[in-house]
Amino acid sequence: MQRYIAQITLVLVIFTCAGSAFAREHEIDKKFRIDSDRLDVTIDIGFGEIEIIPSGKDSELRVYAEYNDEYSEIEIAFNKRKNRMSIKSDQNWISDNNDDCDYDNERSMEITIELPHDPEIDLFVELKAGEADLQLGGLSLSVFEFNNFAGDVDIDFDWPNRIKMNRFEIDGTIGEIDLHNLGNARFRNANINSGIGELSVDFSGDMLDDVSADIDLEIGETNIILPQEIGTRMKISRFMLFDSDAHYRCFDKRGSRYYSDNYDDCDKLLTLNISSGLGEVDITMK
């Protein structure tokens, strides 16, 4: 299947048009002590690279950013009384010389947020364009919402979430989304949406006993990895007017749903509702 013209065009414009290395004329490094057992974190990044990792400390939040302060601004606000952290950046994406490039790498930003282990965190992230690398294992996330317009996203829960997650939502428009060890996120329900690109979802990890996930990709390839120890039933809706295929290895069809061969023998159960547009769905067990 041909690569997606819209995705390729935008990625080339964003990451190669200006062509120069990131200018790092300014940096900011702030640390905050979180004394409460609750914390709301809202992150809104215009254009750049964002990394979110555990701080390695029970009650310290750190924000580190490198950027060209001629073109970028960053606002960091912490309301200690309400236990709310807000991190927002704005970039001027229009090139001064009015050439064919709408994006300038010198105006991008690299930002790292280190989150504390102890507080129960509601985390909201929006990235308009760029790359995101989120290593969220071992935190105490109650809510996790991530929105991305264009770029590549990699999210990993390499250690189990310390609490049950009440809400898990991911919404991407154009680009590649890779989700690793989602069982460790310990959500009850998940919503994962992507517009154009590639979507990879791995449900490995310490999953709760009975969970569900809605997965929707409009145009592109969807790869889903299921652990052998989890019983899965799924319903797949496909846009049949185009060349769309699905692979259901190790599944039996019962009515309108597919059941994994081990479904009746497993204590941990996963219900999947998959909507696939133009593209391929590949489901494997490991």
Protein backbone atom coordinates (compact mmCIF):
# COMPACT_ATOMS: atom_id res chain seq x y z
CA MET A 1 0.00 0.00 0.00
CA GLN A 2 1.38 3.39 -0.94
CA ARG A 3 2.57 5.71 1.77
CA TYR A 4 0.18 8.42 2.68
CA ILE A 5 0.74 11.57 0.64
CA ALA A 6 -0.70 13.94 3.20
CA GLN A 7 1.45 12.53 6.01
CA ILE A 8 4.68 12.54 4.00
CA THR A 9 4.15 16.07 2.73
CA LEU A 10 3.56 17.52 6.16
CA VAL A 11 6.43 15.65 7.82
CA LEU A 12 8.86 16.79 5.11
CA VAL A 13 7.74 20.38 5.47
CA ILE A 14 8.02 20.33 9.24
CA PHE A 15 11.32 18.53 9.69
CA THR A 16 13.41 19.21 6.58
CA CYS A 17 12.25 22.47 5.04
CA ALA A 18 14.21 24.83 7.25
CA GLY A 19 17.06 22.34 7.42
CA SER A 20 19.15 23.92 10.15
CA ALA A 21 19.91 22.39 13.54
CA PHE A 22 17.88 23.51 16.52
CA ALA A 23 19.07 26.85 17.82
CA ARG A 24 19.48 26.59 21.58
CA GLU A 25 20.02 30.16 22.60
CA HIS A 26 18.06 29.93 25.81
CA GLU A 27 17.25 27.32 28.42
CA ILE A 28 15.06 27.07 31.45
CA ASP A 29 15.31 24.62 34.35
CA LYS A 30 12.73 24.77 37.13
CA LYS A 31 11.92 22.39 39.96
CA PHE A 32 8.75 22.31 42.05
CA ARG A 33 8.02 20.49 45.26
CA ILE A 34 4.57 18.88 45.28
CA ASP A 35 3.26 18.57 48.82
CA SER A 36 -0.27 17.45 47.94
CA ASP A 37 -1.45 13.94 47.11
CA ARG A 38 -3.19 15.30 43.95
CA LEU A 39 -1.76 17.11 40.94
CA ASP A 40 -3.23 18.39 37.66
CA VAL A 41 -0.70 18.87 34.84
CA THR A 42 -1.65 20.56 31.55
CA ILE A 43 0.94 20.74 28.77
CA ASP A 44 0.33 22.64 25.52
CA ILE A 45 3.25 22.68 23.07
CA GLY A 46 3.06 24.34 19.66
CA PHE A 47 5.97 22.85 17.71
CA GLY A 48 8.90 20.80 18.92
CA GLU A 49 10.01 17.74 20.81
CA ILE A 50 8.49 16.78 24.14
CA GLU A 51 9.72 14.17 26.59
CA ILE A 52 7.85 13.16 29.73
CA ILE A 53 9.54 10.82 32.21
CA PRO A 54 9.37 10.00 35.93
CA SER A 55 11.48 12.33 38.03
CA GLY A 56 12.79 9.47 40.13
CA LYS A 57 11.67 11.42 43.18
CA ASP A 58 8.48 11.09 45.18
CA SER A 59 7.40 14.73 45.23
CA GLU A 60 9.50 16.74 42.76
CA LEU A 61 8.37 18.00 39.35
CA ARG A 62 11.00 19.37 36.97
CA VAL A 63 10.65 21.32 33.73
CA TYR A 64 13.66 21.70 31.45
CA ALA A 65 13.47 23.42 28.05
CA GLU A 66 15.88 24.52 25.33
CA TYR A 67 14.65 27.00 22.74
CA ASN A 68 15.37 30.13 20.74
CA ASP A 69 13.72 32.85 22.76
CA GLU A 70 13.56 35.12 19.72
CA TYR A 71 10.91 32.86 18.20
CA SER A 72 9.51 30.86 21.13
CA GLU A 73 7.88 31.63 24.44
CA ILE A 74 7.19 29.33 27.34
CA GLU A 75 4.90 29.92 30.28
CA ILE A 76 5.17 27.78 33.42
CA ALA A 77 2.63 28.37 36.16
CA PHE A 78 2.10 26.39 39.34
CA ASN A 79 -0.91 27.06 41.54
CA LYS A 80 0.13 25.52 44.82
CA ARG A 81 -3.28 26.03 46.44
CA LYS A 82 -5.15 24.21 43.65
CA ASN A 83 -2.27 21.81 42.86
CA ARG A 84 -2.28 22.74 39.18
CA MET A 85 0.73 22.90 36.88
CA SER A 86 0.40 24.57 33.46
CA ILE A 87 3.15 24.46 30.82
CA LYS A 88 2.48 26.27 27.56
CA SER A 89 4.69 27.26 24.64
CA ASP A 90 4.00 29.33 21.54
CA GLN A 91 6.14 29.49 18.42
CA ASN A 92 6.22 31.80 15.42
CA TRP A 93 6.11 29.27 12.58
CA ILE A 94 6.22 31.74 9.68
CA SER A 95 9.65 32.26 8.14
CA ASP A 96 10.87 35.87 7.98
CA ASN A 97 12.09 35.60 4.43
CA ASN A 98 8.67 34.36 3.19
CA ASP A 99 10.16 31.45 1.30
CA ASP A 100 8.27 28.22 0.69
CA CYS A 101 8.81 27.00 4.24
CA ASP A 102 6.06 27.53 6.76
CA TYR A 103 8.00 25.89 9.61
CA ASP A 104 11.44 26.72 10.92
CA ASN A 105 13.40 24.24 13.02
CA GLU A 106 15.19 27.13 14.74
CA ARG A 107 11.83 28.10 16.18
CA SER A 108 11.19 24.66 17.59
CA MET A 109 11.50 23.73 21.24
CA GLU A 110 12.86 20.75 23.14
CA ILE A 111 11.21 20.25 26.50
CA THR A 112 11.49 17.58 29.19
CA ILE A 113 8.98 17.23 32.00
CA GLU A 114 9.81 14.98 34.94
CA LEU A 115 6.79 13.93 36.98
CA PRO A 116 6.82 12.84 40.66
CA HIS A 117 5.83 9.32 41.71
CA ASP A 118 3.61 9.95 44.74
CA PRO A 119 0.81 12.36 43.77
CA GLU A 120 -2.25 11.10 41.92
CA ILE A 121 -1.86 12.90 38.57
CA ASP A 122 -4.34 14.03 35.94
CA LEU A 123 -2.15 14.57 32.86
CA PHE A 124 -3.33 16.47 29.77
CA VAL A 125 -0.93 16.87 26.84
CA GLU A 126 -1.42 18.65 23.50
CA LEU A 127 1.29 18.78 20.84
CA LYS A 128 0.41 20.54 17.61
CA ALA A 129 3.41 19.32 15.59
CA GLY A 130 6.61 17.49 16.39
CA GLU A 131 7.76 14.41 18.25
CA ALA A 132 6.68 13.02 21.61
CA ASP A 133 8.44 10.43 23.77
CA LEU A 134 6.52 9.60 26.93
CA GLN A 135 7.88 7.10 29.46
CA LEU A 136 5.06 6.90 31.99
CA GLY A 137 5.75 3.71 33.90
CA GLY A 138 5.67 3.77 37.68
CA LEU A 139 3.65 6.97 38.04
CA SER A 140 0.24 7.41 39.66
CA LEU A 141 -1.85 8.53 36.70
CA SER A 142 -5.57 8.86 37.29
CA VAL A 143 -6.32 10.54 33.95
CA PHE A 144 -4.20 10.58 30.81
CA GLU A 145 -5.22 12.49 27.69
CA PHE A 146 -2.90 13.07 24.73
CA ASN A 147 -3.69 15.04 21.55
CA ASN A 148 -1.34 15.41 18.59
CA PHE A 149 -1.97 17.03 15.22
CA ALA A 150 1.14 15.96 13.28
CA GLY A 151 4.27 13.98 14.06
CA ASP A 152 5.48 10.80 15.72
CA VAL A 153 4.34 9.66 19.16
CA ASP A 154 5.92 6.97 21.33
CA ILE A 155 4.27 6.15 24.67
CA ASP A 156 5.52 3.41 26.99
CA PHE A 157 4.35 2.12 30.37
CA ASP A 158 7.42 0.03 31.19
CA TRP A 159 6.28 -0.33 34.82
CA PRO A 160 2.72 -0.68 36.15
CA ASN A 161 0.79 2.45 36.97
CA ARG A 162 0.56 2.71 40.75
CA ILE A 163 -3.21 3.22 40.74
CA LYS A 164 -6.15 2.28 38.56
CA MET A 165 -6.51 4.77 35.74
CA ASN A 166 -9.94 6.35 35.40
CA ARG A 167 -9.56 7.70 31.87
CA PHE A 168 -7.15 6.93 29.01
CA GLU A 169 -7.56 8.81 25.72
CA ILE A 170 -5.25 9.30 22.75
CA ASP A 171 -6.18 11.33 19.69
CA GLY A 172 -3.80 11.81 16.75
CA THR A 173 -4.41 13.32 13.31
CA ILE A 174 -1.37 12.66 11.11
CA GLY A 175 1.68 10.57 11.90
CA GLU A 176 2.88 7.41 13.59
CA ILE A 177 1.66 6.37 17.04
CA ASP A 178 3.41 3.59 18.96
CA LEU A 179 1.91 2.46 22.27
CA HIS A 180 3.86 -0.03 24.40
CA ASN A 181 2.90 -2.09 27.47
CA LEU A 182 -0.60 -0.65 27.78
CA GLY A 183 -1.55 -3.38 30.23
CA ASN A 184 0.64 -1.56 32.74
CA ALA A 185 -1.43 1.60 32.30
CA ARG A 186 -4.09 -0.23 34.35
CA PHE A 187 -7.05 1.53 32.74
CA ARG A 188 -10.59 0.22 32.78
CA ASN A 189 -11.53 1.79 29.44
CA ALA A 190 -9.38 3.30 26.68
CA ASN A 191 -10.11 5.37 23.58
CA ILE A 192 -7.40 5.43 20.91
CA ASN A 193 -7.99 7.40 17.72
CA SER A 194 -5.74 8.18 14.76
CA GLY A 195 -6.48 9.83 11.45
CA ILE A 196 -3.78 9.15 8.85
CA GLY A 197 -0.63 7.12 9.45
CA GLU A 198 0.45 4.03 11.34
CA LEU A 199 -0.88 2.85 14.68
CA SER A 200 0.77 0.19 16.84
CA VAL A 201 -0.86 -0.90 20.10
CA ASP A 202 0.75 -3.41 22.49
CA PHE A 203 -1.41 -4.56 25.40
CA SER A 204 1.39 -6.29 27.32
CA GLY A 205 1.71 -5.72 31.05
CA ASP A 206 -0.18 -6.05 34.32
CA MET A 207 -3.67 -5.48 32.96
CA LEU A 208 -6.76 -5.23 35.16
CA ASP A 209 -9.12 -8.22 35.11
CA ASP A 210 -11.83 -6.92 32.76
CA VAL A 211 -11.06 -3.96 30.47
CA SER A 212 -12.13 -2.54 27.14
CA ALA A 213 -10.53 -0.43 24.41
CA ASP A 214 -11.92 1.38 21.37
CA ILE A 215 -9.40 1.72 18.53
CA ASP A 216 -10.07 3.83 15.44
CA LEU A 217 -7.73 4.47 12.49
CA GLU A 218 -9.16 6.14 9.40
CA ILE A 219 -6.34 5.65 6.86
CA GLY A 220 -3.24 3.53 7.41
CA GLU A 221 -1.92 0.40 9.06
CA THR A 222 -3.01 -0.85 12.46
CA ASN A 223 -0.92 -3.39 14.37
CA ILE A 224 -2.28 -4.82 17.61
CA ILE A 225 -0.27 -7.11 19.90
CA LEU A 226 -2.09 -9.22 22.50
CA PRO A 227 -0.39 -11.18 25.31
CA GLN A 228 -1.04 -14.92 25.44
CA GLU A 229 -2.30 -14.71 29.03
CA ILE A 230 -5.18 -12.36 28.16
CA GLY A 231 -8.48 -13.55 26.72
CA THR A 232 -9.75 -11.23 24.00
CA ARG A 233 -13.04 -10.72 22.26
CA MET A 234 -13.34 -8.11 19.55
CA LYS A 235 -15.66 -6.51 17.08
CA ILE A 236 -14.21 -5.07 13.89
CA SER A 237 -15.90 -2.51 11.66
CA ARG A 238 -14.28 -1.82 8.30
CA PHE A 239 -14.89 0.57 5.44
CA MET A 240 -15.53 -2.01 2.75
CA LEU A 241 -15.56 0.22 -0.35
CA PHE A 242 -11.77 0.18 -0.56
CA ASP A 243 -9.04 -2.41 -0.31
CA SER A 244 -9.13 -3.22 3.38
CA ASP A 245 -7.92 -6.45 4.96
CA ALA A 246 -7.77 -7.89 8.45
CA HIS A 247 -5.84 -10.79 9.95
CA TYR A 248 -7.48 -12.70 12.80
CA ARG A 249 -4.97 -15.36 13.73
CA CYS A 250 -5.82 -17.47 16.79
CA PHE A 251 -9.44 -16.26 16.82
CA ASP A 252 -12.82 -17.94 16.43
CA LYS A 253 -15.88 -16.13 15.16
CA ARG A 254 -19.04 -16.33 17.28
CA GLY A 255 -21.84 -14.26 15.84
CA SER A 256 -20.55 -10.77 15.11
CA ARG A 257 -17.50 -11.02 17.38
CA TYR A 258 -14.15 -12.78 17.32
CA TYR A 259 -12.88 -14.65 20.40
CA SER A 260 -9.30 -15.65 21.09
CA ASP A 261 -8.70 -19.37 21.46
CA ASN A 262 -7.88 -18.89 25.16
CA TYR A 263 -10.84 -16.64 25.98
CA ASP A 264 -12.82 -19.17 28.04
CA ASP A 265 -9.76 -20.13 30.12
CA CYS A 266 -8.45 -16.68 31.10
CA ASP A 267 -9.10 -14.62 34.22
CA LYS A 268 -8.04 -11.39 32.52
CA LEU A 269 -10.33 -10.34 29.68
CA LEU A 270 -10.03 -7.60 27.06
CA THR A 271 -12.88 -6.33 24.88
CA LEU A 272 -11.76 -4.56 21.68
CA ASN A 273 -13.91 -2.46 19.38
CA ILE A 274 -11.88 -1.72 16.26
CA SER A 275 -12.84 0.65 13.46
CA SER A 276 -10.58 0.45 10.42
CA GLY A 277 -10.90 2.63 7.35
CA LEU A 278 -8.61 2.38 4.34
CA GLY A 279 -5.74 0.13 5.36
CA GLU A 280 -4.71 -3.11 6.99
CA VAL A 281 -5.40 -4.46 10.45
CA ASP A 282 -2.95 -7.00 11.78
CA ILE A 283 -3.61 -8.72 15.13
CA THR A 284 -1.05 -11.04 16.68
CA MET A 285 -0.57 -12.80 20.00
CA LYS A 286 2.78 -13.15 21.71
